[in-house]
Amino acid sequence: MKVVVWIVEGTWRSCVDAAGLLAPSGSDVTLLYVVDDEISKVAHGAFAGLIGRGRPERDPGVLGDDIAAKAAGALLDRASERLGAASTIDVGGGRRG
């Protein structure tokens, strides 16, 4: 059986616990985190409005994406550890809700 657990900051612990209790033994568990990229897009757009006056390495959109990816990875690592079983980790992007 394939089980997908959507990891979100506020509820990830209870979702992982429920998956651990309810998923049949040997299930293919995927822990999924979706990064909301709307904030980074807005920040990048504001930076692009500087029309060449900003240095590319200081683009807040890119920096925001990097921070979000690191935070997602850390949260998924904690979720995987809490699950205590083999799982696949997946980070998606896009709008939530």
C-alpha atoms as a PDB file:
ATOM      1  CA  MET A   1       0.000   0.000   0.000  1.00  0.00           C
ATOM      2  CA  LYS A   2       1.223   3.510  -0.836  1.00  0.00           C
ATOM      3  CA  VAL A   3       0.801   6.038   1.980  1.00  0.00           C
ATOM      4  CA  VAL A   4       1.478   9.765   1.553  1.00  0.00           C
ATOM      5  CA  VAL A   5       1.862  11.894   4.672  1.00  0.00           C
ATOM      6  CA  TRP A   6       1.654  15.630   4.005  1.00  0.00           C
ATOM      7  CA  ILE A   7       4.066  17.268   6.433  1.00  0.00           C
ATOM      8  CA  VAL A   8       3.090  20.728   7.704  1.00  0.00           C
ATOM      9  CA  GLU A   9       4.796  22.597  10.544  1.00  0.00           C
ATOM     10  CA  GLY A  10       1.864  22.658  12.963  1.00  0.00           C
ATOM     11  CA  THR A  11       0.567  19.109  12.612  1.00  0.00           C
ATOM     12  CA  TRP A  12       3.423  16.948  11.356  1.00  0.00           C
ATOM     13  CA  ARG A  13       3.906  15.033  14.607  1.00  0.00           C
ATOM     14  CA  SER A  14       0.323  13.807  14.823  1.00  0.00           C
ATOM     15  CA  CYS A  15       0.231  13.003  11.096  1.00  0.00           C
ATOM     16  CA  VAL A  16       3.406  10.926  11.325  1.00  0.00           C
ATOM     17  CA  ASP A  17       2.130   9.166  14.453  1.00  0.00           C
ATOM     18  CA  ALA A  18      -1.169   8.349  12.729  1.00  0.00           C
ATOM     19  CA  ALA A  19       0.649   6.994   9.681  1.00  0.00           C
ATOM     20  CA  GLY A  20       2.802   4.838  11.936  1.00  0.00           C
ATOM     21  CA  LEU A  21      -0.288   3.408  13.630  1.00  0.00           C
ATOM     22  CA  LEU A  22      -2.602   3.060  10.634  1.00  0.00           C
ATOM     23  CA  ALA A  23      -0.344   2.142   7.709  1.00  0.00           C
ATOM     24  CA  PRO A  24      -0.095  -1.611   7.204  1.00  0.00           C
ATOM     25  CA  SER A  25       3.322  -3.142   7.836  1.00  0.00           C
ATOM     26  CA  GLY A  26       5.478  -2.955   4.719  1.00  0.00           C
ATOM     27  CA  SER A  27       3.645   0.061   3.288  1.00  0.00           C
ATOM     28  CA  ASP A  28       5.476   2.392   0.929  1.00  0.00           C
ATOM     29  CA  VAL A  29       5.396   5.623   2.983  1.00  0.00           C
ATOM     30  CA  THR A  30       6.202   8.984   1.392  1.00  0.00           C
ATOM     31  CA  LEU A  31       6.679  12.042   3.589  1.00  0.00           C
ATOM     32  CA  LEU A  32       5.724  15.078   1.487  1.00  0.00           C
ATOM     33  CA  TYR A  33       6.408  18.733   2.214  1.00  0.00           C
ATOM     34  CA  VAL A  34       5.136  21.417  -0.166  1.00  0.00           C
ATOM     35  CA  VAL A  35       7.065  24.674  -0.178  1.00  0.00           C
ATOM     36  CA  ASP A  36       4.862  27.717  -0.732  1.00  0.00           C
ATOM     37  CA  ASP A  37       6.926  29.601  -3.303  1.00  0.00           C
ATOM     38  CA  GLU A  38       4.694  32.668  -3.569  1.00  0.00           C
ATOM     39  CA  ILE A  39       6.761  34.721  -1.094  1.00  0.00           C
ATOM     40  CA  SER A  40       9.989  34.014  -2.966  1.00  0.00           C
ATOM     41  CA  LYS A  41       8.366  35.002  -6.260  1.00  0.00           C
ATOM     42  CA  VAL A  42       7.264  38.349  -4.829  1.00  0.00           C
ATOM     43  CA  ALA A  43      10.707  38.992  -3.317  1.00  0.00           C
ATOM     44  CA  HIS A  44      12.402  38.131  -6.603  1.00  0.00           C
ATOM     45  CA  GLY A  45      10.028  40.426  -8.492  1.00  0.00           C
ATOM     46  CA  ALA A  46      10.834  43.318  -6.173  1.00  0.00           C
ATOM     47  CA  PHE A  47      14.538  42.640  -6.631  1.00  0.00           C
ATOM     48  CA  ALA A  48      14.143  42.490 -10.424  1.00  0.00           C
ATOM     49  CA  GLY A  49      12.545  45.928 -10.239  1.00  0.00           C
ATOM     50  CA  LEU A  50      15.932  47.337  -9.272  1.00  0.00           C
ATOM     51  CA  ILE A  51      16.859  46.981 -12.976  1.00  0.00           C
ATOM     52  CA  GLY A  52      20.445  45.871 -12.637  1.00  0.00           C
ATOM     53  CA  ARG A  53      21.236  47.807  -9.471  1.00  0.00           C
ATOM     54  CA  GLY A  54      21.171  44.740  -7.231  1.00  0.00           C
ATOM     55  CA  ARG A  55      23.809  42.035  -7.092  1.00  0.00           C
ATOM     56  CA  PRO A  56      22.402  38.632  -8.212  1.00  0.00           C
ATOM     57  CA  GLU A  57      23.863  36.821  -5.204  1.00  0.00           C
ATOM     58  CA  ARG A  58      21.708  39.032  -2.963  1.00  0.00           C
ATOM     59  CA  ASP A  59      18.387  38.221  -4.672  1.00  0.00           C
ATOM     60  CA  PRO A  60      15.980  37.723  -1.742  1.00  0.00           C
ATOM     61  CA  GLY A  61      13.881  35.325  -3.825  1.00  0.00           C
ATOM     62  CA  VAL A  62      16.814  32.951  -4.279  1.00  0.00           C
ATOM     63  CA  LEU A  63      17.867  33.343  -0.653  1.00  0.00           C
ATOM     64  CA  GLY A  64      14.299  32.634   0.471  1.00  0.00           C
ATOM     65  CA  ASP A  65      14.172  29.488  -1.660  1.00  0.00           C
ATOM     66  CA  ASP A  66      17.431  28.267  -0.118  1.00  0.00           C
ATOM     67  CA  ILE A  67      16.191  28.871   3.414  1.00  0.00           C
ATOM     68  CA  ALA A  68      12.857  27.181   2.683  1.00  0.00           C
ATOM     69  CA  ALA A  69      14.598  24.133   1.191  1.00  0.00           C
ATOM     70  CA  LYS A  70      16.869  23.759   4.214  1.00  0.00           C
ATOM     71  CA  ALA A  71      13.944  24.120   6.621  1.00  0.00           C
ATOM     72  CA  ALA A  72      11.882  21.579   4.663  1.00  0.00           C
ATOM     73  CA  GLY A  73      14.767  19.116   4.666  1.00  0.00           C
ATOM     74  CA  ALA A  74      15.275  19.470   8.409  1.00  0.00           C
ATOM     75  CA  LEU A  75      11.562  19.011   9.118  1.00  0.00           C
ATOM     76  CA  LEU A  76      11.357  15.956   6.861  1.00  0.00           C
ATOM     77  CA  ASP A  77      14.410  14.455   8.567  1.00  0.00           C
ATOM     78  CA  ARG A  78      12.717  14.851  11.957  1.00  0.00           C
ATOM     79  CA  ALA A  79       9.494  13.367  10.577  1.00  0.00           C
ATOM     80  CA  SER A  80      11.362  10.387   9.128  1.00  0.00           C
ATOM     81  CA  GLU A  81      13.126   9.822  12.430  1.00  0.00           C
ATOM     82  CA  ARG A  82       9.817   9.999  14.318  1.00  0.00           C
ATOM     83  CA  LEU A  83       8.187   7.535  11.915  1.00  0.00           C
ATOM     84  CA  GLY A  84      10.949   5.061  12.647  1.00  0.00           C
ATOM     85  CA  ALA A  85      10.367   3.101   9.436  1.00  0.00           C
ATOM     86  CA  ALA A  86      11.675   3.239   5.893  1.00  0.00           C
ATOM     87  CA  SER A  87      10.156   6.136   3.995  1.00  0.00           C
ATOM     88  CA  THR A  88      10.648   8.249   0.911  1.00  0.00           C
ATOM     89  CA  ILE A  89      11.105  11.988   1.338  1.00  0.00           C
ATOM     90  CA  ASP A  90       9.670  14.368  -1.250  1.00  0.00           C
ATOM     91  CA  VAL A  91       9.724  18.164  -1.387  1.00  0.00           C
ATOM     92  CA  GLY A  92       7.282  19.790  -3.787  1.00  0.00           C
ATOM     93  CA  GLY A  93       6.709  23.396  -4.690  1.00  0.00           C
ATOM     94  CA  GLY A  94       3.718  25.495  -5.441  1.00  0.00           C
ATOM     95  CA  ARG A  95       0.694  26.965  -3.808  1.00  0.00           C
ATOM     96  CA  ARG A  96      -1.016  25.340  -0.862  1.00  0.00           C
ATOM     97  CA  GLY A  97      -4.619  25.801   0.106  1.00  0.00           C
END
